[in-house]
Amino acid sequence: LVLLAGAVQLQAVREERYPPLASDDESLYLRSSDTLRRLAGAYTLSAS
């Protein structure tokens, strides 16, 4: 929990000093929903 809190604070400082560009490319590394379903296994509903 302490490490997560620190990570959140660090990310907030990073975004304040180095805000992401509006033109940053967004992508899906896995576009195959069938592949994702196999990878998710018993956690498909949570993944959904």
All heavy atoms as atom14 arrays in JSON, in Angstrom:
{
  "sequence": "LVLLAGAVQLQAVREERYPPLASDDESLYLRSSDTLRRLAGAYTLSAS",
  "atom14_mask": [
    [1, 1, 1, 1, 1, 1, 1, 1, 0, 0, 0, 0, 0, 0],
    [1, 1, 1, 1, 1, 1, 1, 0, 0, 0, 0, 0, 0, 0],
    [1, 1, 1, 1, 1, 1, 1, 1, 0, 0, 0, 0, 0, 0],
    [1, 1, 1, 1, 1, 1, 1, 1, 0, 0, 0, 0, 0, 0],
    [1, 1, 1, 1, 1, 0, 0, 0, 0, 0, 0, 0, 0, 0],
    [1, 1, 1, 1, 0, 0, 0, 0, 0, 0, 0, 0, 0, 0],
    [1, 1, 1, 1, 1, 0, 0, 0, 0, 0, 0, 0, 0, 0],
    [1, 1, 1, 1, 1, 1, 1, 0, 0, 0, 0, 0, 0, 0],
    [1, 1, 1, 1, 1, 1, 1, 1, 1, 0, 0, 0, 0, 0],
    [1, 1, 1, 1, 1, 1, 1, 1, 0, 0, 0, 0, 0, 0],
    [1, 1, 1, 1, 1, 1, 1, 1, 1, 0, 0, 0, 0, 0],
    [1, 1, 1, 1, 1, 0, 0, 0, 0, 0, 0, 0, 0, 0],
    [1, 1, 1, 1, 1, 1, 1, 0, 0, 0, 0, 0, 0, 0],
    [1, 1, 1, 1, 1, 1, 1, 1, 1, 1, 1, 0, 0, 0],
    [1, 1, 1, 1, 1, 1, 1, 1, 1, 0, 0, 0, 0, 0],
    [1, 1, 1, 1, 1, 1, 1, 1, 1, 0, 0, 0, 0, 0],
    [1, 1, 1, 1, 1, 1, 1, 1, 1, 1, 1, 0, 0, 0],
    [1, 1, 1, 1, 1, 1, 1, 1, 1, 1, 1, 1, 0, 0],
    [1, 1, 1, 1, 1, 1, 1, 0, 0, 0, 0, 0, 0, 0],
    [1, 1, 1, 1, 1, 1, 1, 0, 0, 0, 0, 0, 0, 0],
    [1, 1, 1, 1, 1, 1, 1, 1, 0, 0, 0, 0, 0, 0],
    [1, 1, 1, 1, 1, 0, 0, 0, 0, 0, 0, 0, 0, 0],
    [1, 1, 1, 1, 1, 1, 0, 0, 0, 0, 0, 0, 0, 0],
    [1, 1, 1, 1, 1, 1, 1, 1, 0, 0, 0, 0, 0, 0],
    [1, 1, 1, 1, 1, 1, 1, 1, 0, 0, 0, 0, 0, 0],
    [1, 1, 1, 1, 1, 1, 1, 1, 1, 0, 0, 0, 0, 0],
    [1, 1, 1, 1, 1, 1, 0, 0, 0, 0, 0, 0, 0, 0],
    [1, 1, 1, 1, 1, 1, 1, 1, 0, 0, 0, 0, 0, 0],
    [1, 1, 1, 1, 1, 1, 1, 1, 1, 1, 1, 1, 0, 0],
    [1, 1, 1, 1, 1, 1, 1, 1, 0, 0, 0, 0, 0, 0],
    [1, 1, 1, 1, 1, 1, 1, 1, 1, 1, 1, 0, 0, 0],
    [1, 1, 1, 1, 1, 1, 0, 0, 0, 0, 0, 0, 0, 0],
    [1, 1, 1, 1, 1, 1, 0, 0, 0, 0, 0, 0, 0, 0],
    [1, 1, 1, 1, 1, 1, 1, 1, 0, 0, 0, 0, 0, 0],
    [1, 1, 1, 1, 1, 1, 1, 0, 0, 0, 0, 0, 0, 0],
    [1, 1, 1, 1, 1, 1, 1, 1, 0, 0, 0, 0, 0, 0],
    [1, 1, 1, 1, 1, 1, 1, 1, 1, 1, 1, 0, 0, 0],
    [1, 1, 1, 1, 1, 1, 1, 1, 1, 1, 1, 0, 0, 0],
    [1, 1, 1, 1, 1, 1, 1, 1, 0, 0, 0, 0, 0, 0],
    [1, 1, 1, 1, 1, 0, 0, 0, 0, 0, 0, 0, 0, 0],
    [1, 1, 1, 1, 0, 0, 0, 0, 0, 0, 0, 0, 0, 0],
    [1, 1, 1, 1, 1, 0, 0, 0, 0, 0, 0, 0, 0, 0],
    [1, 1, 1, 1, 1, 1, 1, 1, 1, 1, 1, 1, 0, 0],
    [1, 1, 1, 1, 1, 1, 1, 0, 0, 0, 0, 0, 0, 0],
    [1, 1, 1, 1, 1, 1, 1, 1, 0, 0, 0, 0, 0, 0],
    [1, 1, 1, 1, 1, 1, 0, 0, 0, 0, 0, 0, 0, 0],
    [1, 1, 1, 1, 1, 0, 0, 0, 0, 0, 0, 0, 0, 0],
    [1, 1, 1, 1, 1, 1, 0, 0, 0, 0, 0, 0, 0, 0]
  ],
  "atom14_positions": [
    [[0.84, -1.21, 0.0], [0.0, 0.0, 0.0], [0.87, 1.25, 0.0], [0.57, 2.24, -0.69], [-0.92, -0.01, 1.21], [-2.06, -1.05, 1.19], [-2.83, -1.05, 2.5], [-3.01, -0.76, 0.02], [0.0, 0.0, 0.0], [0.0, 0.0, 0.0], [0.0, 0.0, 0.0], [0.0, 0.0, 0.0], [0.0, 0.0, 0.0], [0.0, 0.0, 0.0]],
    [[1.96, 1.24, 0.79], [2.86, 2.4, 0.82], [3.51, 2.61, -0.54], [3.59, 3.74, -1.05], [3.94, 2.21, 1.91], [5.03, 3.27, 1.77], [3.32, 2.26, 3.29], [0.0, 0.0, 0.0], [0.0, 0.0, 0.0], [0.0, 0.0, 0.0], [0.0, 0.0, 0.0], [0.0, 0.0, 0.0], [0.0, 0.0, 0.0], [0.0, 0.0, 0.0]],
    [[3.95, 1.52, -1.18], [4.57, 1.63, -2.5], [3.58, 2.14, -3.54], [3.91, 2.96, -4.4], [5.13, 0.27, -2.93], [6.36, -0.22, -2.14], [6.72, -1.64, -2.55], [7.55, 0.72, -2.37], [0.0, 0.0, 0.0], [0.0, 0.0, 0.0], [0.0, 0.0, 0.0], [0.0, 0.0, 0.0], [0.0, 0.0, 0.0], [0.0, 0.0, 0.0]],
    [[2.31, 1.65, -3.48], [1.29, 2.13, -4.42], [1.02, 3.61, -4.23], [0.89, 4.36, -5.2], [0.0, 1.32, -4.23], [-0.02, -0.09, -4.81], [-1.3, -0.81, -4.41], [0.09, -0.04, -6.34], [0.0, 0.0, 0.0], [0.0, 0.0, 0.0], [0.0, 0.0, 0.0], [0.0, 0.0, 0.0], [0.0, 0.0, 0.0], [0.0, 0.0, 0.0]],
    [[0.92, 4.04, -2.96], [0.68, 5.47, -2.7], [1.83, 6.31, -3.25], [1.63, 7.37, -3.86], [0.52, 5.7, -1.2], [0.0, 0.0, 0.0], [0.0, 0.0, 0.0], [0.0, 0.0, 0.0], [0.0, 0.0, 0.0], [0.0, 0.0, 0.0], [0.0, 0.0, 0.0], [0.0, 0.0, 0.0], [0.0, 0.0, 0.0], [0.0, 0.0, 0.0]],
    [[3.08, 5.81, -3.03], [4.22, 6.54, -3.58], [4.21, 6.59, -5.09], [4.55, 7.62, -5.69], [0.0, 0.0, 0.0], [0.0, 0.0, 0.0], [0.0, 0.0, 0.0], [0.0, 0.0, 0.0], [0.0, 0.0, 0.0], [0.0, 0.0, 0.0], [0.0, 0.0, 0.0], [0.0, 0.0, 0.0], [0.0, 0.0, 0.0], [0.0, 0.0, 0.0]],
    [[3.8, 5.49, -5.72], [3.74, 5.45, -7.19], [2.72, 6.43, -7.73], [2.94, 7.1, -8.74], [3.41, 4.03, -7.66], [0.0, 0.0, 0.0], [0.0, 0.0, 0.0], [0.0, 0.0, 0.0], [0.0, 0.0, 0.0], [0.0, 0.0, 0.0], [0.0, 0.0, 0.0], [0.0, 0.0, 0.0], [0.0, 0.0, 0.0], [0.0, 0.0, 0.0]],
    [[1.57, 6.52, -7.03], [0.53, 7.47, -7.47], [1.05, 8.89, -7.38], [0.87, 9.72, -8.28], [-0.74, 7.28, -6.62], [-1.72, 8.43, -6.87], [-1.4, 5.95, -6.94], [0.0, 0.0, 0.0], [0.0, 0.0, 0.0], [0.0, 0.0, 0.0], [0.0, 0.0, 0.0], [0.0, 0.0, 0.0], [0.0, 0.0, 0.0], [0.0, 0.0, 0.0]],
    [[1.71, 9.22, -6.25], [2.25, 10.57, -6.09], [3.32, 10.87, -7.14], [3.38, 11.97, -7.7], [2.82, 10.74, -4.68], [1.75, 10.7, -3.59], [2.35, 10.78, -2.2], [3.57, 10.7, -2.04], [1.49, 10.94, -1.2], [0.0, 0.0, 0.0], [0.0, 0.0, 0.0], [0.0, 0.0, 0.0], [0.0, 0.0, 0.0], [0.0, 0.0, 0.0]],
    [[4.19, 9.88, -7.4], [5.23, 10.06, -8.4], [4.65, 10.28, -9.78], [5.1, 11.15, -10.54], [6.15, 8.83, -8.41], [7.34, 8.87, -9.39], [8.27, 10.03, -9.04], [8.11, 7.55, -9.36], [0.0, 0.0, 0.0], [0.0, 0.0, 0.0], [0.0, 0.0, 0.0], [0.0, 0.0, 0.0], [0.0, 0.0, 0.0], [0.0, 0.0, 0.0]],
    [[3.6, 9.53, -10.12], [2.95, 9.7, -11.42], [2.31, 11.08, -11.53], [2.35, 11.71, -12.59], [1.89, 8.61, -11.62], [1.15, 8.67, -12.95], [2.05, 8.38, -14.13], [3.14, 7.85, -13.95], [1.6, 8.74, -15.32], [0.0, 0.0, 0.0], [0.0, 0.0, 0.0], [0.0, 0.0, 0.0], [0.0, 0.0, 0.0], [0.0, 0.0, 0.0]],
    [[1.7, 11.56, -10.42], [1.08, 12.88, -10.44], [2.12, 13.96, -10.69], [1.91, 14.9, -11.47], [0.35, 13.13, -9.12], [0.0, 0.0, 0.0], [0.0, 0.0, 0.0], [0.0, 0.0, 0.0], [0.0, 0.0, 0.0], [0.0, 0.0, 0.0], [0.0, 0.0, 0.0], [0.0, 0.0, 0.0], [0.0, 0.0, 0.0], [0.0, 0.0, 0.0]],
    [[3.31, 13.85, -10.03], [4.38, 14.82, -10.23], [4.88, 14.76, -11.67], [5.1, 15.79, -12.33], [5.53, 14.55, -9.24], [6.74, 15.42, -9.59], [5.07, 14.81, -7.83], [0.0, 0.0, 0.0], [0.0, 0.0, 0.0], [0.0, 0.0, 0.0], [0.0, 0.0, 0.0], [0.0, 0.0, 0.0], [0.0, 0.0, 0.0], [0.0, 0.0, 0.0]],
    [[5.03, 13.55, -12.19], [5.51, 13.39, -13.57], [4.56, 14.03, -14.57], [4.98, 14.74, -15.49], [5.67, 11.89, -13.89], [6.09, 11.62, -15.32], [6.01, 10.13, -15.63], [6.39, 9.87, -17.01], [5.56, 10.0, -18.05], [4.31, 10.39, -17.85], [5.98, 9.74, -19.28], [0.0, 0.0, 0.0], [0.0, 0.0, 0.0], [0.0, 0.0, 0.0]],
    [[3.24, 13.8, -14.39], [2.28, 14.36, -15.34], [2.19, 15.87, -15.23], [1.91, 16.55, -16.21], [0.9, 13.72, -15.11], [0.85, 12.26, -15.51], [-0.54, 11.67, -15.36], [-1.44, 12.4, -14.87], [-0.73, 10.49, -15.7], [0.0, 0.0, 0.0], [0.0, 0.0, 0.0], [0.0, 0.0, 0.0], [0.0, 0.0, 0.0], [0.0, 0.0, 0.0]],
    [[2.44, 16.4, -13.99], [2.42, 17.84, -13.84], [3.61, 18.49, -14.54], [3.47, 19.52, -15.19], [2.43, 18.19, -12.35], [2.37, 19.69, -12.08], [2.36, 20.0, -10.59], [2.23, 19.05, -9.78], [2.5, 21.18, -10.24], [0.0, 0.0, 0.0], [0.0, 0.0, 0.0], [0.0, 0.0, 0.0], [0.0, 0.0, 0.0], [0.0, 0.0, 0.0]],
    [[4.78, 17.86, -14.43], [6.0, 18.43, -15.03], [6.12, 18.1, -16.51], [6.63, 18.89, -17.3], [7.23, 17.93, -14.29], [7.3, 18.4, -12.86], [8.6, 17.98, -12.18], [8.68, 18.45, -10.8], [9.69, 18.2, -9.99], [10.72, 17.49, -10.43], [9.69, 18.65, -8.76], [0.0, 0.0, 0.0], [0.0, 0.0, 0.0], [0.0, 0.0, 0.0]],
    [[5.67, 16.91, -16.89], [5.78, 16.47, -18.27], [4.42, 15.97, -18.77], [4.19, 14.76, -18.88], [6.82, 15.34, -18.4], [8.15, 15.67, -17.78], [8.49, 15.16, -16.53], [9.05, 16.52, -18.42], [9.71, 15.46, -15.95], [10.26, 16.82, -17.85], [10.6, 16.3, -16.62], [11.8, 16.6, -16.04], [0.0, 0.0, 0.0], [0.0, 0.0, 0.0]],
    [[3.47, 16.9, -18.98], [2.13, 16.47, -19.4], [2.18, 15.75, -20.73], [2.96, 16.09, -21.61], [1.36, 17.8, -19.53], [2.41, 18.84, -19.73], [3.61, 18.36, -18.96], [0.0, 0.0, 0.0], [0.0, 0.0, 0.0], [0.0, 0.0, 0.0], [0.0, 0.0, 0.0], [0.0, 0.0, 0.0], [0.0, 0.0, 0.0], [0.0, 0.0, 0.0]],
    [[1.34, 14.71, -20.91], [1.33, 13.97, -22.18], [0.83, 14.85, -23.31], [-0.05, 15.69, -23.12], [0.35, 12.81, -21.92], [-0.5, 13.28, -20.78], [0.36, 14.17, -19.95], [0.0, 0.0, 0.0], [0.0, 0.0, 0.0], [0.0, 0.0, 0.0], [0.0, 0.0, 0.0], [0.0, 0.0, 0.0], [0.0, 0.0, 0.0], [0.0, 0.0, 0.0]],
    [[1.43, 14.69, -24.46], [1.02, 15.46, -25.62], [-0.34, 14.99, -26.11], [-0.67, 13.82, -26.05], [2.05, 15.32, -26.74], [3.44, 15.86, -26.44], [4.38, 15.55, -27.59], [3.41, 17.35, -26.16], [0.0, 0.0, 0.0], [0.0, 0.0, 0.0], [0.0, 0.0, 0.0], [0.0, 0.0, 0.0], [0.0, 0.0, 0.0], [0.0, 0.0, 0.0]],
    [[-1.16, 15.95, -26.61], [-2.49, 15.61, -27.12], [-2.41, 14.69, -28.31], [-3.33, 13.97, -28.63], [-3.24, 16.89, -27.5], [0.0, 0.0, 0.0], [0.0, 0.0, 0.0], [0.0, 0.0, 0.0], [0.0, 0.0, 0.0], [0.0, 0.0, 0.0], [0.0, 0.0, 0.0], [0.0, 0.0, 0.0], [0.0, 0.0, 0.0], [0.0, 0.0, 0.0]],
    [[-1.25, 14.71, -29.0], [-1.12, 13.92, -30.22], [-0.52, 12.54, -29.96], [-0.2, 11.82, -30.89], [-0.22, 14.66, -31.23], [1.06, 14.89, -30.66], [0.0, 0.0, 0.0], [0.0, 0.0, 0.0], [0.0, 0.0, 0.0], [0.0, 0.0, 0.0], [0.0, 0.0, 0.0], [0.0, 0.0, 0.0], [0.0, 0.0, 0.0], [0.0, 0.0, 0.0]],
    [[-0.31, 12.19, -28.64], [0.25, 10.87, -28.34], [-0.6, 9.79, -29.0], [-1.82, 9.79, -28.9], [0.26, 10.63, -26.83], [1.47, 11.3, -26.18], [2.31, 11.82, -26.93], [1.55, 11.31, -24.94], [0.0, 0.0, 0.0], [0.0, 0.0, 0.0], [0.0, 0.0, 0.0], [0.0, 0.0, 0.0], [0.0, 0.0, 0.0], [0.0, 0.0, 0.0]],
    [[0.04, 8.85, -29.66], [-0.67, 7.78, -30.35], [-1.2, 6.78, -29.34], [-0.49, 6.35, -28.44], [0.28, 7.08, -31.33], [-0.41, 5.98, -32.1], [-1.52, 6.23, -32.58], [0.18, 4.9, -32.21], [0.0, 0.0, 0.0], [0.0, 0.0, 0.0], [0.0, 0.0, 0.0], [0.0, 0.0, 0.0], [0.0, 0.0, 0.0], [0.0, 0.0, 0.0]],
    [[-2.49, 6.46, -29.46], [-3.09, 5.45, -28.62], [-3.15, 4.16, -29.41], [-3.43, 4.16, -30.6], [-4.48, 5.88, -28.18], [-4.49, 7.07, -27.26], [-5.9, 7.44, -26.84], [-6.61, 7.98, -27.7], [-6.27, 7.2, -25.7], [0.0, 0.0, 0.0], [0.0, 0.0, 0.0], [0.0, 0.0, 0.0], [0.0, 0.0, 0.0], [0.0, 0.0, 0.0]],
    [[-2.91, 3.06, -28.72], [-2.93, 1.8, -29.44], [-3.41, 0.7, -28.52], [-3.38, 0.8, -27.3], [-1.53, 1.46, -29.97], [-0.61, 1.37, -28.9], [0.0, 0.0, 0.0], [0.0, 0.0, 0.0], [0.0, 0.0, 0.0], [0.0, 0.0, 0.0], [0.0, 0.0, 0.0], [0.0, 0.0, 0.0], [0.0, 0.0, 0.0], [0.0, 0.0, 0.0]],
    [[-3.87, -0.37, -29.13], [-4.22, -1.58, -28.44], [-3.17, -2.63, -28.8], [-3.03, -2.98, -29.96], [-5.61, -2.07, -28.87], [-6.81, -1.35, -28.28], [-8.08, -1.86, -28.93], [-6.88, -1.55, -26.79], [0.0, 0.0, 0.0], [0.0, 0.0, 0.0], [0.0, 0.0, 0.0], [0.0, 0.0, 0.0], [0.0, 0.0, 0.0], [0.0, 0.0, 0.0]],
    [[-2.44, -3.09, -27.8], [-1.39, -4.05, -28.09], [-1.98, -5.4, -28.48], [-1.4, -6.15, -29.24], [-0.46, -4.19, -26.89], [0.29, -2.91, -26.61], [-0.04, -2.1, -25.52], [1.32, -2.5, -27.45], [0.64, -0.92, -25.28], [2.01, -1.31, -27.21], [1.66, -0.53, -26.12], [2.32, 0.63, -25.89], [0.0, 0.0, 0.0], [0.0, 0.0, 0.0]],
    [[-3.14, -5.72, -27.92], [-3.84, -6.94, -28.28], [-5.21, -6.57, -28.83], [-6.06, -6.1, -28.09], [-3.99, -7.86, -27.07], [-2.76, -8.66, -26.65], [-3.04, -9.43, -25.37], [-2.33, -9.62, -27.75], [0.0, 0.0, 0.0], [0.0, 0.0, 0.0], [0.0, 0.0, 0.0], [0.0, 0.0, 0.0], [0.0, 0.0, 0.0], [0.0, 0.0, 0.0]],
    [[-5.41, -6.74, -30.12], [-6.69, -6.41, -30.73], [-7.59, -7.64, -30.89], [-8.77, -7.5, -31.18], [-6.47, -5.77, -32.11], [-5.95, -4.35, -32.03], [-5.73, -3.77, -33.41], [-5.38, -2.36, -33.33], [-6.23, -1.36, -33.48], [-7.5, -1.61, -33.69], [-5.83, -0.12, -33.4], [0.0, 0.0, 0.0], [0.0, 0.0, 0.0], [0.0, 0.0, 0.0]],
    [[-7.03, -8.82, -30.71], [-7.82, -10.04, -30.85], [-8.56, -10.31, -29.55], [-7.95, -10.66, -28.53], [-6.93, -11.23, -31.2], [-7.67, -12.42, -31.13], [0.0, 0.0, 0.0], [0.0, 0.0, 0.0], [0.0, 0.0, 0.0], [0.0, 0.0, 0.0], [0.0, 0.0, 0.0], [0.0, 0.0, 0.0], [0.0, 0.0, 0.0], [0.0, 0.0, 0.0]],
    [[-9.9, -10.15, -29.58], [-10.68, -10.39, -28.38], [-10.68, -11.86, -28.01], [-10.74, -12.22, -26.83], [-12.11, -9.89, -28.59], [-12.61, -10.31, -29.84], [0.0, 0.0, 0.0], [0.0, 0.0, 0.0], [0.0, 0.0, 0.0], [0.0, 0.0, 0.0], [0.0, 0.0, 0.0], [0.0, 0.0, 0.0], [0.0, 0.0, 0.0], [0.0, 0.0, 0.0]],
    [[-10.59, -12.76, -29.0], [-10.53, -14.2, -28.7], [-9.25, -14.56, -27.95], [-9.25, -15.36, -27.01], [-10.65, -15.02, -29.99], [-12.03, -14.93, -30.6], [-13.0, -14.77, -29.83], [-12.15, -15.01, -31.84], [0.0, 0.0, 0.0], [0.0, 0.0, 0.0], [0.0, 0.0, 0.0], [0.0, 0.0, 0.0], [0.0, 0.0, 0.0], [0.0, 0.0, 0.0]],
    [[-8.13, -13.94, -28.38], [-6.86, -14.17, -27.69], [-6.94, -13.67, -26.25], [-6.5, -14.35, -25.31], [-5.72, -13.45, -28.42], [-5.62, -13.97, -29.75], [-4.39, -13.64, -27.7], [0.0, 0.0, 0.0], [0.0, 0.0, 0.0], [0.0, 0.0, 0.0], [0.0, 0.0, 0.0], [0.0, 0.0, 0.0], [0.0, 0.0, 0.0], [0.0, 0.0, 0.0]],
    [[-7.52, -12.48, -26.06], [-7.66, -11.93, -24.72], [-8.53, -12.81, -23.85], [-8.26, -12.99, -22.66], [-8.25, -10.52, -24.8], [-7.26, -9.41, -25.1], [-7.97, -8.15, -25.49], [-6.37, -9.15, -23.89], [0.0, 0.0, 0.0], [0.0, 0.0, 0.0], [0.0, 0.0, 0.0], [0.0, 0.0, 0.0], [0.0, 0.0, 0.0], [0.0, 0.0, 0.0]],
    [[-9.55, -13.38, -24.45], [-10.44, -14.26, -23.67], [-9.68, -15.49, -23.17], [-9.86, -15.93, -22.03], [-11.63, -14.67, -24.54], [-12.67, -15.47, -23.78], [-13.97, -15.57, -24.55], [-15.0, -16.17, -23.74], [-16.29, -15.95, -23.89], [-16.7, -15.12, -24.81], [-17.17, -16.57, -23.13], [0.0, 0.0, 0.0], [0.0, 0.0, 0.0], [0.0, 0.0, 0.0]],
    [[-8.82, -16.04, -24.03], [-8.04, -17.2, -23.61], [-7.04, -16.81, -22.51], [-6.83, -17.56, -21.56], [-7.3, -17.79, -24.81], [-8.22, -18.55, -25.78], [-7.42, -19.4, -26.74], [-6.57, -18.6, -27.61], [-6.96, -18.09, -28.77], [-8.2, -18.32, -29.21], [-6.14, -17.37, -29.51], [0.0, 0.0, 0.0], [0.0, 0.0, 0.0], [0.0, 0.0, 0.0]],
    [[-6.43, -15.63, -22.66], [-5.46, -15.18, -21.67], [-6.11, -14.88, -20.33], [-5.53, -15.11, -19.27], [-4.72, -13.94, -22.18], [-3.75, -14.14, -23.34], [-3.24, -12.82, -23.84], [-2.58, -15.04, -22.91], [0.0, 0.0, 0.0], [0.0, 0.0, 0.0], [0.0, 0.0, 0.0], [0.0, 0.0, 0.0], [0.0, 0.0, 0.0], [0.0, 0.0, 0.0]],
    [[-7.34, -14.35, -20.37], [-8.02, -13.97, -19.14], [-8.46, -15.19, -18.34], [-8.59, -15.11, -17.11], [-9.23, -13.09, -19.46], [0.0, 0.0, 0.0], [0.0, 0.0, 0.0], [0.0, 0.0, 0.0], [0.0, 0.0, 0.0], [0.0, 0.0, 0.0], [0.0, 0.0, 0.0], [0.0, 0.0, 0.0], [0.0, 0.0, 0.0], [0.0, 0.0, 0.0]],
    [[-8.71, -16.3, -19.02], [-9.09, -17.53, -18.32], [-10.35, -17.35, -17.51], [-11.4, -16.97, -18.01], [0.0, 0.0, 0.0], [0.0, 0.0, 0.0], [0.0, 0.0, 0.0], [0.0, 0.0, 0.0], [0.0, 0.0, 0.0], [0.0, 0.0, 0.0], [0.0, 0.0, 0.0], [0.0, 0.0, 0.0], [0.0, 0.0, 0.0], [0.0, 0.0, 0.0]],
    [[-10.25, -17.6, -16.21], [-11.41, -17.53, -15.33], [-11.79, -16.1, -14.99], [-12.81, -15.87, -14.32], [-11.12, -18.31, -14.04], [0.0, 0.0, 0.0], [0.0, 0.0, 0.0], [0.0, 0.0, 0.0], [0.0, 0.0, 0.0], [0.0, 0.0, 0.0], [0.0, 0.0, 0.0], [0.0, 0.0, 0.0], [0.0, 0.0, 0.0], [0.0, 0.0, 0.0]],
    [[-11.0, -15.14, -15.42], [-11.24, -13.74, -15.06], [-11.8, -12.93, -16.23], [-11.58, -11.73, -16.33], [-9.95, -13.1, -14.54], [-9.38, -13.82, -13.34], [-8.34, -14.73, -13.5], [-9.89, -13.61, -12.07], [-7.82, -15.42, -12.41], [-9.38, -14.28, -10.97], [-8.34, -15.2, -11.14], [-7.85, -15.86, -10.06], [0.0, 0.0, 0.0], [0.0, 0.0, 0.0]],
    [[-12.51, -13.58, -17.14], [-12.99, -12.88, -18.33], [-13.97, -11.77, -17.98], [-13.95, -10.7, -18.61], [-13.67, -13.86, -19.31], [-14.67, -14.6, -18.62], [-12.66, -14.82, -19.9], [0.0, 0.0, 0.0], [0.0, 0.0, 0.0], [0.0, 0.0, 0.0], [0.0, 0.0, 0.0], [0.0, 0.0, 0.0], [0.0, 0.0, 0.0], [0.0, 0.0, 0.0]],
    [[-14.84, -11.98, -16.99], [-15.82, -10.94, -16.63], [-15.11, -9.72, -16.04], [-15.48, -8.58, -16.35], [-16.86, -11.49, -15.66], [-17.75, -12.62, -16.18], [-18.79, -13.02, -15.15], [-18.43, -12.2, -17.49], [0.0, 0.0, 0.0], [0.0, 0.0, 0.0], [0.0, 0.0, 0.0], [0.0, 0.0, 0.0], [0.0, 0.0, 0.0], [0.0, 0.0, 0.0]],
    [[-14.11, -9.95, -15.21], [-13.34, -8.83, -14.65], [-12.59, -8.1, -15.76], [-12.54, -6.86, -15.78], [-12.36, -9.33, -13.6], [-13.04, -9.93, -12.52], [0.0, 0.0, 0.0], [0.0, 0.0, 0.0], [0.0, 0.0, 0.0], [0.0, 0.0, 0.0], [0.0, 0.0, 0.0], [0.0, 0.0, 0.0], [0.0, 0.0, 0.0], [0.0, 0.0, 0.0]],
    [[-12.03, -8.86, -16.7], [-11.33, -8.23, -17.82], [-12.3, -7.42, -18.67], [-11.96, -6.33, -19.16], [-10.64, -9.3, -18.67], [0.0, 0.0, 0.0], [0.0, 0.0, 0.0], [0.0, 0.0, 0.0], [0.0, 0.0, 0.0], [0.0, 0.0, 0.0], [0.0, 0.0, 0.0], [0.0, 0.0, 0.0], [0.0, 0.0, 0.0], [0.0, 0.0, 0.0]],
    [[-13.51, -7.96, -18.85], [-14.52, -7.21, -19.61], [-14.85, -5.89, -18.94], [-14.96, -4.85, -19.6], [-15.79, -8.06, -19.74], [-16.81, -7.35, -20.41], [0.0, 0.0, 0.0], [0.0, 0.0, 0.0], [0.0, 0.0, 0.0], [0.0, 0.0, 0.0], [0.0, 0.0, 0.0], [0.0, 0.0, 0.0], [0.0, 0.0, 0.0], [0.0, 0.0, 0.0]]
  ]
}
